[in-house]
């Protein structure tokens, strides 16, 4: 029997990977990339919004909102990159485990 989730992010593979599981891992990898692009897009929108608030004449009272927007832009970008690398590491670790086990199974048959 295959045990997928042991804890929040830890994968364990007990049997040879099949096509359906391989495709599911590929979908997860692509979703991870798509999510990173969403974080980057959100960060860029906040950056542009912050710059636009600095350019407005007569709105010096809300200049602080521009600083908040710029700060959030940097924070969101860092969070996105961290999450992307974390999930990428976990998937790569899972891929390596499945490939090693598949080679061991083929070598013994």
C-alpha atoms as a PDB file:
ATOM      1  CA  UNK A   1       0.000   0.000   0.000  1.00  0.00           C
ATOM      2  CA  UNK A   2       1.267   3.477  -0.803  1.00  0.00           C
ATOM      3  CA  UNK A   3       1.555   6.046   1.934  1.00  0.00           C
ATOM      4  CA  UNK A   4       1.523   9.549   0.436  1.00  0.00           C
ATOM      5  CA  UNK A   5       1.362  11.971   3.360  1.00  0.00           C
ATOM      6  CA  UNK A   6       3.054  11.182   6.634  1.00  0.00           C
ATOM      7  CA  UNK A   7       3.269  14.730   7.926  1.00  0.00           C
ATOM      8  CA  UNK A   8       2.492  18.083   6.365  1.00  0.00           C
ATOM      9  CA  UNK A   9       5.203  18.019   3.659  1.00  0.00           C
ATOM     10  CA  UNK A  10       6.935  14.676   4.023  1.00  0.00           C
ATOM     11  CA  UNK A  11       6.412  12.117   1.257  1.00  0.00           C
ATOM     12  CA  UNK A  12       7.048   8.409   1.477  1.00  0.00           C
ATOM     13  CA  UNK A  13       6.949   6.057  -1.448  1.00  0.00           C
ATOM     14  CA  UNK A  14       6.407   2.363  -0.734  1.00  0.00           C
ATOM     15  CA  UNK A  15       5.811   1.010  -4.240  1.00  0.00           C
ATOM     16  CA  UNK A  16       6.869   1.565  -7.825  1.00  0.00           C
ATOM     17  CA  UNK A  17       5.519   4.776  -9.336  1.00  0.00           C
ATOM     18  CA  UNK A  18       2.850   4.370 -12.008  1.00  0.00           C
ATOM     19  CA  UNK A  19       1.950   6.695 -14.853  1.00  0.00           C
ATOM     20  CA  UNK A  20      -0.987   8.265 -13.018  1.00  0.00           C
ATOM     21  CA  UNK A  21       1.225   9.162 -10.065  1.00  0.00           C
ATOM     22  CA  UNK A  22       3.968  10.482 -12.328  1.00  0.00           C
ATOM     23  CA  UNK A  23       1.463  12.734 -14.110  1.00  0.00           C
ATOM     24  CA  UNK A  24       0.119  13.926 -10.761  1.00  0.00           C
ATOM     25  CA  UNK A  25       3.639  14.907  -9.732  1.00  0.00           C
ATOM     26  CA  UNK A  26       4.102  16.778 -13.002  1.00  0.00           C
ATOM     27  CA  UNK A  27       0.831  18.652 -12.445  1.00  0.00           C
ATOM     28  CA  UNK A  28       2.001  19.562  -8.963  1.00  0.00           C
ATOM     29  CA  UNK A  29       5.324  20.831 -10.316  1.00  0.00           C
ATOM     30  CA  UNK A  30       3.572  22.960 -12.927  1.00  0.00           C
ATOM     31  CA  UNK A  31       1.102  24.270 -10.346  1.00  0.00           C
ATOM     32  CA  UNK A  32       4.048  25.227  -8.154  1.00  0.00           C
ATOM     33  CA  UNK A  33       5.557  27.256 -11.011  1.00  0.00           C
ATOM     34  CA  UNK A  34       2.203  28.875 -11.756  1.00  0.00           C
ATOM     35  CA  UNK A  35       1.866  29.850  -8.104  1.00  0.00           C
ATOM     36  CA  UNK A  36       5.332  31.423  -8.126  1.00  0.00           C
ATOM     37  CA  UNK A  37       4.338  33.503 -11.153  1.00  0.00           C
ATOM     38  CA  UNK A  38       1.226  34.630  -9.279  1.00  0.00           C
ATOM     39  CA  UNK A  39       3.350  35.775  -6.352  1.00  0.00           C
ATOM     40  CA  UNK A  40       5.648  37.656  -8.732  1.00  0.00           C
ATOM     41  CA  UNK A  41       2.697  39.266 -10.517  1.00  0.00           C
ATOM     42  CA  UNK A  42       1.141  40.367  -7.214  1.00  0.00           C
ATOM     43  CA  UNK A  43       4.470  41.754  -6.064  1.00  0.00           C
ATOM     44  CA  UNK A  44       4.878  43.751  -9.280  1.00  0.00           C
ATOM     45  CA  UNK A  45       1.347  45.170  -9.009  1.00  0.00           C
ATOM     46  CA  UNK A  46       2.050  46.339  -5.462  1.00  0.00           C
ATOM     47  CA  UNK A  47       5.359  47.820  -6.595  1.00  0.00           C
ATOM     48  CA  UNK A  48       3.655  49.745  -9.395  1.00  0.00           C
ATOM     49  CA  UNK A  49       0.898  50.876  -7.050  1.00  0.00           C
ATOM     50  CA  UNK A  50       3.444  52.149  -4.542  1.00  0.00           C
ATOM     51  CA  UNK A  51       5.355  54.044  -7.220  1.00  0.00           C
ATOM     52  CA  UNK A  52       2.112  55.536  -8.537  1.00  0.00           C
ATOM     53  CA  UNK A  53       1.194  56.780  -5.056  1.00  0.00           C
ATOM     54  CA  UNK A  54       4.533  58.603  -4.854  1.00  0.00           C
ATOM     55  CA  UNK A  55       3.857  60.323  -8.195  1.00  0.00           C
ATOM     56  CA  UNK A  56       0.482  61.787  -7.194  1.00  0.00           C
ATOM     57  CA  UNK A  57       0.517  65.535  -6.573  1.00  0.00           C
ATOM     58  CA  UNK A  58      -1.562  66.881  -3.715  1.00  0.00           C
ATOM     59  CA  UNK A  59      -1.789  63.513  -1.915  1.00  0.00           C
ATOM     60  CA  UNK A  60       1.162  63.797   0.440  1.00  0.00           C
ATOM     61  CA  UNK A  61      -0.996  62.564   3.326  1.00  0.00           C
ATOM     62  CA  UNK A  62      -1.201  59.065   1.814  1.00  0.00           C
ATOM     63  CA  UNK A  63       2.465  58.764   0.917  1.00  0.00           C
ATOM     64  CA  UNK A  64       2.761  56.246   3.766  1.00  0.00           C
ATOM     65  CA  UNK A  65       0.503  53.949   1.769  1.00  0.00           C
ATOM     66  CA  UNK A  66       3.134  53.922  -0.976  1.00  0.00           C
ATOM     67  CA  UNK A  67       5.777  52.813   1.514  1.00  0.00           C
ATOM     68  CA  UNK A  68       3.472  50.092   2.829  1.00  0.00           C
ATOM     69  CA  UNK A  69       2.837  48.922  -0.727  1.00  0.00           C
ATOM     70  CA  UNK A  70       6.559  48.773  -1.516  1.00  0.00           C
ATOM     71  CA  UNK A  71       7.247  46.861   1.695  1.00  0.00           C
ATOM     72  CA  UNK A  72       4.465  44.372   1.023  1.00  0.00           C
ATOM     73  CA  UNK A  73       5.776  43.912  -2.503  1.00  0.00           C
ATOM     74  CA  UNK A  74       9.159  42.788  -1.205  1.00  0.00           C
ATOM     75  CA  UNK A  75       7.647  40.569   1.501  1.00  0.00           C
ATOM     76  CA  UNK A  76       5.285  38.827  -0.933  1.00  0.00           C
ATOM     77  CA  UNK A  77       8.112  38.205  -3.400  1.00  0.00           C
ATOM     78  CA  UNK A  78      10.289  36.651  -0.677  1.00  0.00           C
ATOM     79  CA  UNK A  79       7.424  34.451   0.572  1.00  0.00           C
ATOM     80  CA  UNK A  80       6.675  33.288  -2.978  1.00  0.00           C
ATOM     81  CA  UNK A  81      10.278  32.358  -3.700  1.00  0.00           C
ATOM     82  CA  UNK A  82      10.619  30.582  -0.353  1.00  0.00           C
ATOM     83  CA  UNK A  83       7.448  28.526  -0.893  1.00  0.00           C
ATOM     84  CA  UNK A  84       8.455  27.664  -4.460  1.00  0.00           C
ATOM     85  CA  UNK A  85      11.886  26.417  -3.394  1.00  0.00           C
ATOM     86  CA  UNK A  86      10.454  24.479  -0.447  1.00  0.00           C
ATOM     87  CA  UNK A  87       7.934  22.575  -2.568  1.00  0.00           C
ATOM     88  CA  UNK A  88      10.480  22.108  -5.363  1.00  0.00           C
ATOM     89  CA  UNK A  89      12.896  20.529  -2.876  1.00  0.00           C
ATOM     90  CA  UNK A  90      10.200  18.183  -1.553  1.00  0.00           C
ATOM     91  CA  UNK A  91       9.162  17.126  -5.063  1.00  0.00           C
ATOM     92  CA  UNK A  92      12.771  16.589  -6.147  1.00  0.00           C
ATOM     93  CA  UNK A  93      13.377  14.464  -3.056  1.00  0.00           C
ATOM     94  CA  UNK A  94      10.278  12.429  -3.883  1.00  0.00           C
ATOM     95  CA  UNK A  95      11.352  12.051  -7.531  1.00  0.00           C
ATOM     96  CA  UNK A  96      14.797  10.809  -6.502  1.00  0.00           C
ATOM     97  CA  UNK A  97      13.298   8.280  -4.073  1.00  0.00           C
ATOM     98  CA  UNK A  98      10.920   6.921  -6.713  1.00  0.00           C
ATOM     99  CA  UNK A  99      13.639   6.698  -9.384  1.00  0.00           C
ATOM    100  CA  UNK A 100      16.031   4.913  -7.019  1.00  0.00           C
ATOM    101  CA  UNK A 101      13.339   2.432  -6.010  1.00  0.00           C
ATOM    102  CA  UNK A 102      12.328   1.878  -9.639  1.00  0.00           C
ATOM    103  CA  UNK A 103      15.943   1.098 -10.553  1.00  0.00           C
ATOM    104  CA  UNK A 104      16.254  -1.300  -7.619  1.00  0.00           C
ATOM    105  CA  UNK A 105      13.048  -3.088  -8.616  1.00  0.00           C
ATOM    106  CA  UNK A 106      14.152  -3.398 -12.261  1.00  0.00           C
ATOM    107  CA  UNK A 107      17.565  -4.670 -11.218  1.00  0.00           C
ATOM    108  CA  UNK A 108      16.082  -7.487  -9.115  1.00  0.00           C
ATOM    109  CA  UNK A 109      13.513  -8.687 -11.668  1.00  0.00           C
END
